């Protein structure tokens, strides 16, 4: 199973790479896999859950840093519809990030309009 050193290296990797998204989960044995046939699951469940919390925390710090770096930047985005929150729209940016916008926000309909070379905006 994973040692504490292995886990620490995983946390370090997450911190250094700065992935914008990740699917994180505690290991669980899956029948008919290489791991199930060749390795013993010898890490206690409470240790797995602690380690999972630690890698999630490391990933969330990265996410927060990456989002903070985007403040003030301009990206093209396509509004896909209403967001789950009342009064907000959901959009996806050209960098594949999900965005929430106030439903009443004026949205430029072109880059030219955004740059001030046009006066058209959609509400």
C-alpha atoms as a PDB file:
ATOM      1  CA  UNK A   1       0.000   0.000   0.000  1.00  0.00           C
ATOM      2  CA  UNK A   2       0.886   3.654  -0.032  1.00  0.00           C
ATOM      3  CA  UNK A   3       3.460   4.707   2.583  1.00  0.00           C
ATOM      4  CA  UNK A   4       3.473   8.086   4.339  1.00  0.00           C
ATOM      5  CA  UNK A   5       6.440   9.035   2.143  1.00  0.00           C
ATOM      6  CA  UNK A   6       4.457   8.095  -0.982  1.00  0.00           C
ATOM      7  CA  UNK A   7       1.567  10.225   0.259  1.00  0.00           C
ATOM      8  CA  UNK A   8       3.837  13.199   1.039  1.00  0.00           C
ATOM      9  CA  UNK A   9       5.266  12.955  -2.491  1.00  0.00           C
ATOM     10  CA  UNK A  10       1.715  12.949  -3.880  1.00  0.00           C
ATOM     11  CA  UNK A  11       0.825  16.099  -1.898  1.00  0.00           C
ATOM     12  CA  UNK A  12       4.055  17.731  -3.096  1.00  0.00           C
ATOM     13  CA  UNK A  13       3.245  16.823  -6.707  1.00  0.00           C
ATOM     14  CA  UNK A  14      -0.244  18.341  -6.401  1.00  0.00           C
ATOM     15  CA  UNK A  15       1.208  21.533  -4.917  1.00  0.00           C
ATOM     16  CA  UNK A  16       3.917  21.860  -7.583  1.00  0.00           C
ATOM     17  CA  UNK A  17       1.835  21.037 -10.660  1.00  0.00           C
ATOM     18  CA  UNK A  18      -1.082  23.338  -9.925  1.00  0.00           C
ATOM     19  CA  UNK A  19      -3.720  21.334 -11.776  1.00  0.00           C
ATOM     20  CA  UNK A  20      -6.912  23.318 -12.297  1.00  0.00           C
ATOM     21  CA  UNK A  21      -9.092  20.233 -11.823  1.00  0.00           C
ATOM     22  CA  UNK A  22      -8.660  16.799 -10.334  1.00  0.00           C
ATOM     23  CA  UNK A  23     -10.713  13.725  -9.521  1.00  0.00           C
ATOM     24  CA  UNK A  24      -9.589  12.782  -6.027  1.00  0.00           C
ATOM     25  CA  UNK A  25     -10.736   9.742  -4.088  1.00  0.00           C
ATOM     26  CA  UNK A  26      -9.560   7.275  -1.469  1.00  0.00           C
ATOM     27  CA  UNK A  27      -8.275   3.969  -2.807  1.00  0.00           C
ATOM     28  CA  UNK A  28     -10.760   1.138  -2.780  1.00  0.00           C
ATOM     29  CA  UNK A  29     -10.133  -2.339  -4.098  1.00  0.00           C
ATOM     30  CA  UNK A  30     -11.653  -3.145  -7.496  1.00  0.00           C
ATOM     31  CA  UNK A  31     -12.004  -6.807  -8.446  1.00  0.00           C
ATOM     32  CA  UNK A  32     -10.310  -7.996 -11.631  1.00  0.00           C
ATOM     33  CA  UNK A  33      -7.712  -5.205 -11.552  1.00  0.00           C
ATOM     34  CA  UNK A  34      -3.940  -5.596 -11.407  1.00  0.00           C
ATOM     35  CA  UNK A  35      -3.887  -4.045  -7.932  1.00  0.00           C
ATOM     36  CA  UNK A  36      -6.539  -6.448  -6.610  1.00  0.00           C
ATOM     37  CA  UNK A  37      -4.603  -9.451  -7.934  1.00  0.00           C
ATOM     38  CA  UNK A  38      -1.117  -8.361  -6.851  1.00  0.00           C
ATOM     39  CA  UNK A  39      -1.313  -5.997  -3.888  1.00  0.00           C
ATOM     40  CA  UNK A  40      -2.752  -6.152  -0.414  1.00  0.00           C
ATOM     41  CA  UNK A  41      -4.909  -3.221   0.682  1.00  0.00           C
ATOM     42  CA  UNK A  42      -3.064  -2.645   3.956  1.00  0.00           C
ATOM     43  CA  UNK A  43      -3.839   1.047   4.567  1.00  0.00           C
ATOM     44  CA  UNK A  44      -6.522   1.537   7.254  1.00  0.00           C
ATOM     45  CA  UNK A  45      -9.682   3.373   6.182  1.00  0.00           C
ATOM     46  CA  UNK A  46      -9.088   6.260   8.624  1.00  0.00           C
ATOM     47  CA  UNK A  47      -5.603   6.815   7.175  1.00  0.00           C
ATOM     48  CA  UNK A  48      -7.023   6.788   3.636  1.00  0.00           C
ATOM     49  CA  UNK A  49      -9.610   9.406   4.601  1.00  0.00           C
ATOM     50  CA  UNK A  50      -6.994  11.638   6.293  1.00  0.00           C
ATOM     51  CA  UNK A  51      -4.772  11.423   3.233  1.00  0.00           C
ATOM     52  CA  UNK A  52      -7.705  12.204   0.971  1.00  0.00           C
ATOM     53  CA  UNK A  53      -8.532  15.301   3.037  1.00  0.00           C
ATOM     54  CA  UNK A  54      -4.903  16.409   2.741  1.00  0.00           C
ATOM     55  CA  UNK A  55      -4.728  16.073  -1.045  1.00  0.00           C
ATOM     56  CA  UNK A  56      -8.115  17.784  -1.429  1.00  0.00           C
ATOM     57  CA  UNK A  57      -6.841  20.658   0.739  1.00  0.00           C
ATOM     58  CA  UNK A  58      -3.674  20.947  -1.391  1.00  0.00           C
ATOM     59  CA  UNK A  59      -5.756  20.945  -4.579  1.00  0.00           C
ATOM     60  CA  UNK A  60      -8.162  23.589  -3.230  1.00  0.00           C
ATOM     61  CA  UNK A  61      -5.233  25.887  -2.425  1.00  0.00           C
ATOM     62  CA  UNK A  62      -4.085  25.526  -6.038  1.00  0.00           C
ATOM     63  CA  UNK A  63      -7.601  26.219  -7.300  1.00  0.00           C
ATOM     64  CA  UNK A  64      -7.854  29.345  -5.158  1.00  0.00           C
ATOM     65  CA  UNK A  65      -4.470  30.595  -6.412  1.00  0.00           C
ATOM     66  CA  UNK A  66      -5.358  29.912 -10.051  1.00  0.00           C
ATOM     67  CA  UNK A  67      -8.714  31.668  -9.735  1.00  0.00           C
ATOM     68  CA  UNK A  68      -7.071  34.681  -8.064  1.00  0.00           C
ATOM     69  CA  UNK A  69      -4.639  34.920 -11.000  1.00  0.00           C
ATOM     70  CA  UNK A  70      -7.605  35.242 -13.383  1.00  0.00           C
ATOM     71  CA  UNK A  71      -9.093  38.337 -11.733  1.00  0.00           C
ATOM     72  CA  UNK A  72      -8.974  41.199 -14.213  1.00  0.00           C
ATOM     73  CA  UNK A  73      -8.137  39.020 -17.197  1.00  0.00           C
ATOM     74  CA  UNK A  74     -10.379  38.909 -20.266  1.00  0.00           C
ATOM     75  CA  UNK A  75     -11.537  35.591 -21.704  1.00  0.00           C
ATOM     76  CA  UNK A  76     -14.066  34.692 -24.337  1.00  0.00           C
ATOM     77  CA  UNK A  77     -16.952  32.775 -22.835  1.00  0.00           C
ATOM     78  CA  UNK A  78     -20.168  31.228 -24.049  1.00  0.00           C
ATOM     79  CA  UNK A  79     -23.228  31.546 -21.856  1.00  0.00           C
ATOM     80  CA  UNK A  80     -24.831  28.116 -21.587  1.00  0.00           C
ATOM     81  CA  UNK A  81     -27.906  29.023 -19.569  1.00  0.00           C
ATOM     82  CA  UNK A  82     -29.105  29.775 -16.084  1.00  0.00           C
ATOM     83  CA  UNK A  83     -26.801  28.892 -13.206  1.00  0.00           C
ATOM     84  CA  UNK A  84     -28.011  26.921 -10.202  1.00  0.00           C
ATOM     85  CA  UNK A  85     -28.086  30.116  -8.163  1.00  0.00           C
ATOM     86  CA  UNK A  86     -31.050  32.379  -8.754  1.00  0.00           C
ATOM     87  CA  UNK A  87     -30.203  35.485 -10.786  1.00  0.00           C
ATOM     88  CA  UNK A  88     -27.005  34.076 -12.304  1.00  0.00           C
ATOM     89  CA  UNK A  89     -26.007  32.717 -15.694  1.00  0.00           C
ATOM     90  CA  UNK A  90     -23.585  29.860 -16.275  1.00  0.00           C
ATOM     91  CA  UNK A  91     -20.892  30.238 -18.923  1.00  0.00           C
ATOM     92  CA  UNK A  92     -17.801  28.330 -20.018  1.00  0.00           C
ATOM     93  CA  UNK A  93     -14.616  30.231 -20.859  1.00  0.00           C
ATOM     94  CA  UNK A  94     -12.238  29.560 -23.723  1.00  0.00           C
ATOM     95  CA  UNK A  95      -9.958  28.037 -21.083  1.00  0.00           C
ATOM     96  CA  UNK A  96     -12.722  25.516 -20.187  1.00  0.00           C
ATOM     97  CA  UNK A  97     -13.479  27.124 -16.831  1.00  0.00           C
ATOM     98  CA  UNK A  98     -17.023  27.340 -15.567  1.00  0.00           C
ATOM     99  CA  UNK A  99     -18.165  30.870 -14.767  1.00  0.00           C
ATOM    100  CA  UNK A 100     -21.158  32.395 -13.049  1.00  0.00           C
ATOM    101  CA  UNK A 101     -22.317  35.837 -14.168  1.00  0.00           C
ATOM    102  CA  UNK A 102     -25.050  38.086 -12.823  1.00  0.00           C
ATOM    103  CA  UNK A 103     -28.094  37.516 -15.049  1.00  0.00           C
ATOM    104  CA  UNK A 104     -28.560  41.267 -15.505  1.00  0.00           C
ATOM    105  CA  UNK A 105     -24.922  41.868 -16.532  1.00  0.00           C
ATOM    106  CA  UNK A 106     -24.316  43.527 -19.871  1.00  0.00           C
ATOM    107  CA  UNK A 107     -22.306  41.089 -21.942  1.00  0.00           C
ATOM    108  CA  UNK A 108     -20.327  42.386 -24.945  1.00  0.00           C
ATOM    109  CA  UNK A 109     -21.373  40.494 -28.070  1.00  0.00           C
ATOM    110  CA  UNK A 110     -17.941  40.761 -29.700  1.00  0.00           C
ATOM    111  CA  UNK A 111     -14.303  41.360 -28.881  1.00  0.00           C
ATOM    112  CA  UNK A 112     -14.533  44.669 -30.722  1.00  0.00           C
ATOM    113  CA  UNK A 113     -17.347  45.778 -28.426  1.00  0.00           C
ATOM    114  CA  UNK A 114     -15.347  44.648 -25.398  1.00  0.00           C
ATOM    115  CA  UNK A 115     -12.300  46.583 -26.560  1.00  0.00           C
ATOM    116  CA  UNK A 116     -14.405  49.686 -27.127  1.00  0.00           C
ATOM    117  CA  UNK A 117     -14.332  49.465 -30.932  1.00  0.00           C
ATOM    118  CA  UNK A 118     -18.028  48.723 -31.069  1.00  0.00           C
ATOM    119  CA  UNK A 119     -21.017  49.733 -29.044  1.00  0.00           C
ATOM    120  CA  UNK A 120     -23.142  46.607 -29.163  1.00  0.00           C
ATOM    121  CA  UNK A 121     -23.835  44.730 -25.959  1.00  0.00           C
ATOM    122  CA  UNK A 122     -26.351  42.066 -25.109  1.00  0.00           C
ATOM    123  CA  UNK A 123     -28.340  42.182 -21.881  1.00  0.00           C
END
